[in-house]
């Protein structure tokens, strides 16, 4: 799945049937008329900012070194 599609899918899954609050919020924040106008960077940035994407496998976690 392309990078942009991955984040739009995650935003969609976290939104309700009408795209609230995340898909609509994403489009509003970036002044988009459709999701096809979005860039992968915008989608990733919004996802991490609003849904804490670092917890869902989108980045590695650091090992504290403790057993």
Protein backbone atom coordinates (compact mmCIF):
# COMPACT_ATOMS: atom_id res chain seq x y z
CA UNK A 1 0.00 0.00 0.00
CA UNK A 2 1.47 3.39 -0.91
CA UNK A 3 2.52 5.63 1.98
CA UNK A 4 -0.29 8.18 1.50
CA UNK A 5 -2.98 5.52 1.19
CA UNK A 6 -1.82 3.86 4.40
CA UNK A 7 -2.36 7.02 6.44
CA UNK A 8 -5.65 7.91 4.78
CA UNK A 9 -6.87 4.38 5.54
CA UNK A 10 -5.86 4.78 9.19
CA UNK A 11 -7.60 8.17 9.41
CA UNK A 12 -10.70 6.68 7.81
CA UNK A 13 -10.75 3.76 10.25
CA UNK A 14 -10.61 6.19 13.18
CA UNK A 15 -13.43 8.34 11.74
CA UNK A 16 -17.15 7.76 11.71
CA UNK A 17 -19.30 6.98 8.66
CA UNK A 18 -19.23 10.66 7.63
CA UNK A 19 -15.46 11.13 8.05
CA UNK A 20 -15.69 12.93 11.38
CA UNK A 21 -13.53 13.94 13.01
CA UNK A 22 -10.30 12.86 11.32
CA UNK A 23 -10.86 12.75 7.55
CA UNK A 24 -12.84 15.98 7.54
CA UNK A 25 -10.40 17.55 10.01
CA UNK A 26 -7.47 16.53 7.82
CA UNK A 27 -9.03 18.07 4.73
CA UNK A 28 -9.96 21.26 6.61
CA UNK A 29 -6.52 21.66 8.16
CA UNK A 30 -4.78 21.53 4.78
CA UNK A 31 -7.51 23.25 2.75
CA UNK A 32 -8.09 20.18 0.59
CA UNK A 33 -11.12 19.78 -1.68
CA UNK A 34 -10.52 16.04 -2.06
CA UNK A 35 -8.21 13.40 -0.63
CA UNK A 36 -6.48 13.08 -3.99
CA UNK A 37 -4.98 16.55 -3.39
CA UNK A 38 -3.23 15.37 -0.21
CA UNK A 39 0.44 14.53 -0.08
CA UNK A 40 1.92 11.60 1.80
CA UNK A 41 3.74 14.04 4.08
CA UNK A 42 0.51 15.84 4.99
CA UNK A 43 -1.28 12.57 5.73
CA UNK A 44 1.54 11.25 7.90
CA UNK A 45 1.97 14.55 9.76
CA UNK A 46 -1.75 14.84 10.52
CA UNK A 47 -2.00 11.20 11.62
CA UNK A 48 0.92 11.49 14.04
CA UNK A 49 -0.29 14.86 15.37
CA UNK A 50 -3.89 13.80 15.99
CA UNK A 51 -3.80 10.05 16.53
CA UNK A 52 -0.34 9.48 17.98
CA UNK A 53 0.71 7.34 15.04
CA UNK A 54 3.96 6.37 16.71
CA UNK A 55 2.02 3.86 18.81
CA UNK A 56 0.54 1.98 15.86
CA UNK A 57 3.63 0.55 14.22
CA UNK A 58 4.41 3.60 12.11
CA UNK A 59 7.76 4.13 13.84
CA UNK A 60 10.11 2.02 15.87
CA UNK A 61 10.11 2.02 19.64
CA UNK A 62 13.30 2.29 21.66
CA UNK A 63 14.36 -0.43 24.04
CA UNK A 64 15.14 0.93 27.50
CA UNK A 65 17.81 -1.72 27.99
CA UNK A 66 16.04 -3.13 31.03
CA UNK A 67 14.92 -6.79 31.11
